[in-house]
Amino acid sequence: MSKVQMDTEEVREFMNHLERFKELLNDEVNGLSSHFNNLDSW
């Protein structure tokens, strides 16, 4: 396996982690915003 191939693999894994992290973050933000919306409606 060449160095370039290894780097590409690592980058791909890194991107996958980023994607998952982004989704988790989106869930958090959605949960928070709905929480604040509930507070507003009190």
PDB file of N, CA and C in Angstrom:
ATOM      1  N   MET A   1       0.852  -1.201   0.000  1.00  0.00           N
ATOM      2  CA  MET A   1       0.000   0.000   0.000  1.00  0.00           C
ATOM      3  C   MET A   1       0.888   1.251   0.000  1.00  0.00           C
ATOM      4  N   SER A   2       0.637   2.128  -0.911  1.00  0.00           N
ATOM      5  CA  SER A   2       1.467   3.333  -1.010  1.00  0.00           C
ATOM      6  C   SER A   2       1.066   4.362   0.044  1.00  0.00           C
ATOM      7  N   LYS A   3       1.967   5.287   0.268  1.00  0.00           N
ATOM      8  CA  LYS A   3       1.712   6.334   1.264  1.00  0.00           C
ATOM      9  C   LYS A   3       0.449   7.120   0.900  1.00  0.00           C
ATOM     10  N   VAL A   4       0.314   7.441  -0.379  1.00  0.00           N
ATOM     11  CA  VAL A   4      -0.839   8.233  -0.811  1.00  0.00           C
ATOM     12  C   VAL A   4      -2.130   7.485  -0.528  1.00  0.00           C
ATOM     13  N   GLN A   5      -2.152   6.185  -0.801  1.00  0.00           N
ATOM     14  CA  GLN A   5      -3.364   5.403  -0.540  1.00  0.00           C
ATOM     15  C   GLN A   5      -3.711   5.440   0.942  1.00  0.00           C
ATOM     16  N   MET A   6      -2.689   5.286   1.785  1.00  0.00           N
ATOM     17  CA  MET A   6      -2.931   5.326   3.223  1.00  0.00           C
ATOM     18  C   MET A   6      -3.536   6.662   3.626  1.00  0.00           C
ATOM     19  N   ASP A   7      -2.951   7.735   3.143  1.00  0.00           N
ATOM     20  CA  ASP A   7      -3.466   9.063   3.475  1.00  0.00           C
ATOM     21  C   ASP A   7      -4.918   9.196   3.042  1.00  0.00           C
ATOM     22  N   THR A   8      -5.225   8.687   1.857  1.00  0.00           N
ATOM     23  CA  THR A   8      -6.601   8.779   1.361  1.00  0.00           C
ATOM     24  C   THR A   8      -7.542   8.022   2.285  1.00  0.00           C
ATOM     25  N   GLU A   9      -7.115   6.840   2.724  1.00  0.00           N
ATOM     26  CA  GLU A   9      -7.941   6.056   3.645  1.00  0.00           C
ATOM     27  C   GLU A   9      -8.182   6.838   4.929  1.00  0.00           C
ATOM     28  N   GLU A  10      -7.116   7.380   5.489  1.00  0.00           N
ATOM     29  CA  GLU A  10      -7.248   8.124   6.745  1.00  0.00           C
ATOM     30  C   GLU A  10      -8.167   9.318   6.571  1.00  0.00           C
ATOM     31  N   VAL A  11      -8.010  10.006   5.449  1.00  0.00           N
ATOM     32  CA  VAL A  11      -8.861  11.169   5.192  1.00  0.00           C
ATOM     33  C   VAL A  11     -10.311  10.733   5.102  1.00  0.00           C
ATOM     34  N   ARG A  12     -10.551   9.605   4.428  1.00  0.00           N
ATOM     35  CA  ARG A  12     -11.922   9.125   4.280  1.00  0.00           C
ATOM     36  C   ARG A  12     -12.518   8.793   5.645  1.00  0.00           C
ATOM     37  N   GLU A  13     -11.733   8.124   6.490  1.00  0.00           N
ATOM     38  CA  GLU A  13     -12.224   7.805   7.835  1.00  0.00           C
ATOM     39  C   GLU A  13     -12.514   9.079   8.605  1.00  0.00           C
ATOM     40  N   PHE A  14     -11.599  10.035   8.489  1.00  0.00           N
ATOM     41  CA  PHE A  14     -11.762  11.310   9.181  1.00  0.00           C
ATOM     42  C   PHE A  14     -13.048  11.992   8.740  1.00  0.00           C
ATOM     43  N   MET A  15     -13.305  11.983   7.424  1.00  0.00           N
ATOM     44  CA  MET A  15     -14.527  12.594   6.904  1.00  0.00           C
ATOM     45  C   MET A  15     -15.757  11.880   7.460  1.00  0.00           C
ATOM     46  N   ASN A  16     -15.680  10.552   7.555  1.00  0.00           N
ATOM     47  CA  ASN A  16     -16.803   9.800   8.116  1.00  0.00           C
ATOM     48  C   ASN A  16     -17.066  10.234   9.554  1.00  0.00           C
ATOM     49  N   HIS A  17     -15.985  10.378  10.328  1.00  0.00           N
ATOM     50  CA  HIS A  17     -16.142  10.825  11.711  1.00  0.00           C
ATOM     51  C   HIS A  17     -16.787  12.205  11.753  1.00  0.00           C
ATOM     52  N   LEU A  18     -16.343  13.079  10.861  1.00  0.00           N
ATOM     53  CA  LEU A  18     -16.907  14.427  10.816  1.00  0.00           C
ATOM     54  C   LEU A  18     -18.395  14.376  10.524  1.00  0.00           C
ATOM     55  N   GLU A  19     -18.768  13.546   9.558  1.00  0.00           N
ATOM     56  CA  GLU A  19     -20.186  13.422   9.196  1.00  0.00           C
ATOM     57  C   GLU A  19     -20.997  12.995  10.414  1.00  0.00           C
ATOM     58  N   ARG A  20     -20.519  11.970  11.112  1.00  0.00           N
ATOM     59  CA  ARG A  20     -21.244  11.463  12.281  1.00  0.00           C
ATOM     60  C   ARG A  20     -21.341  12.541  13.347  1.00  0.00           C
ATOM     61  N   PHE A  21     -20.223  13.249  13.553  1.00  0.00           N
ATOM     62  CA  PHE A  21     -20.194  14.313  14.549  1.00  0.00           C
ATOM     63  C   PHE A  21     -21.196  15.398  14.199  1.00  0.00           C
ATOM     64  N   LYS A  22     -21.260  15.734  12.896  1.00  0.00           N
ATOM     65  CA  LYS A  22     -22.185  16.771  12.442  1.00  0.00           C
ATOM     66  C   LYS A  22     -23.625  16.342  12.713  1.00  0.00           C
ATOM     67  N   GLU A  23     -23.918  15.069  12.458  1.00  0.00           N
ATOM     68  CA  GLU A  23     -25.280  14.587  12.695  1.00  0.00           C
ATOM     69  C   GLU A  23     -25.619  14.659  14.180  1.00  0.00           C
ATOM     70  N   LEU A  24     -24.673  14.235  15.019  1.00  0.00           N
ATOM     71  CA  LEU A  24     -24.899  14.317  16.463  1.00  0.00           C
ATOM     72  C   LEU A  24     -25.146  15.758  16.878  1.00  0.00           C
ATOM     73  N   LEU A  25     -24.335  16.657  16.350  1.00  0.00           N
ATOM     74  CA  LEU A  25     -24.465  18.068  16.670  1.00  0.00           C
ATOM     75  C   LEU A  25     -25.833  18.587  16.245  1.00  0.00           C
ATOM     76  N   ASN A  26     -26.277  18.189  15.060  1.00  0.00           N
ATOM     77  CA  ASN A  26     -27.589  18.606  14.569  1.00  0.00           C
ATOM     78  C   ASN A  26     -28.679  18.136  15.521  1.00  0.00           C
ATOM     79  N   ASP A  27     -28.576  16.871  15.972  1.00  0.00           N
ATOM     80  CA  ASP A  27     -29.567  16.353  16.912  1.00  0.00           C
ATOM     81  C   ASP A  27     -29.582  17.196  18.177  1.00  0.00           C
ATOM     82  N   GLU A  28     -28.383  17.507  18.688  1.00  0.00           N
ATOM     83  CA  GLU A  28     -28.284  18.318  19.897  1.00  0.00           C
ATOM     84  C   GLU A  28     -28.959  19.667  19.694  1.00  0.00           C
ATOM     85  N   VAL A  29     -28.625  20.323  18.594  1.00  0.00           N
ATOM     86  CA  VAL A  29     -29.176  21.652  18.323  1.00  0.00           C
ATOM     87  C   VAL A  29     -30.685  21.577  18.177  1.00  0.00           C
ATOM     88  N   ASN A  30     -31.172  20.574  17.467  1.00  0.00           N
ATOM     89  CA  ASN A  30     -32.617  20.427  17.301  1.00  0.00           C
ATOM     90  C   ASN A  30     -33.288  20.220  18.652  1.00  0.00           C
ATOM     91  N   GLY A  31     -32.701  19.385  19.492  1.00  0.00           N
ATOM     92  CA  GLY A  31     -33.255  19.139  20.815  1.00  0.00           C
ATOM     93  C   GLY A  31     -33.281  20.413  21.638  1.00  0.00           C
ATOM     94  N   LEU A  32     -32.185  21.161  21.579  1.00  0.00           N
ATOM     95  CA  LEU A  32     -32.107  22.403  22.350  1.00  0.00           C
ATOM     96  C   LEU A  32     -33.124  23.417  21.865  1.00  0.00           C
ATOM     97  N   SER A  33     -33.221  23.593  20.554  1.00  0.00           N
ATOM     98  CA  SER A  33     -34.133  24.614  20.033  1.00  0.00           C
ATOM     99  C   SER A  33     -35.579  24.248  20.352  1.00  0.00           C
ATOM    100  N   SER A  34     -35.914  22.965  20.277  1.00  0.00           N
ATOM    101  CA  SER A  34     -37.293  22.586  20.614  1.00  0.00           C
ATOM    102  C   SER A  34     -37.523  22.792  22.114  1.00  0.00           C
ATOM    103  N   HIS A  35     -36.475  22.571  22.909  1.00  0.00           N
ATOM    104  CA  HIS A  35     -36.571  22.800  24.341  1.00  0.00           C
ATOM    105  C   HIS A  35     -36.863  24.272  24.620  1.00  0.00           C
ATOM    106  N   PHE A  36     -36.138  25.156  23.946  1.00  0.00           N
ATOM    107  CA  PHE A  36     -36.358  26.590  24.143  1.00  0.00           C
ATOM    108  C   PHE A  36     -37.724  27.011  23.623  1.00  0.00           C
ATOM    109  N   ASN A  37     -38.167  26.396  22.534  1.00  0.00           N
ATOM    110  CA  ASN A  37     -39.505  26.699  22.023  1.00  0.00           C
ATOM    111  C   ASN A  37     -40.548  26.335  23.068  1.00  0.00           C
ATOM    112  N   ASN A  38     -40.334  25.216  23.758  1.00  0.00           N
ATOM    113  CA  ASN A  38     -41.264  24.821  24.808  1.00  0.00           C
ATOM    114  C   ASN A  38     -41.254  25.847  25.936  1.00  0.00           C
ATOM    115  N   LEU A  39     -40.083  26.353  26.272  1.00  0.00           N
ATOM    116  CA  LEU A  39     -39.996  27.370  27.318  1.00  0.00           C
ATOM    117  C   LEU A  39     -40.766  28.619  26.911  1.00  0.00           C
ATOM    118  N   ASP A  40     -40.656  29.009  25.648  1.00  0.00           N
ATOM    119  CA  ASP A  40     -41.358  30.202  25.174  1.00  0.00           C
ATOM    120  C   ASP A  40     -42.861  30.037  25.305  1.00  0.00           C
ATOM    121  N   SER A  41     -43.356  28.825  25.085  1.00  0.00           N
ATOM    122  CA  SER A  41     -44.809  28.631  25.061  1.00  0.00           C
ATOM    123  C   SER A  41     -45.398  28.543  26.466  1.00  0.00           C
ATOM    124  N   TRP A  42     -44.559  28.551  27.486  1.00  0.00           N
ATOM    125  CA  TRP A  42     -45.113  28.481  28.843  1.00  0.00           C
ATOM    126  C   TRP A  42     -45.840  29.768  29.206  1.00  0.00           C
TER     127      TRP A  42
END
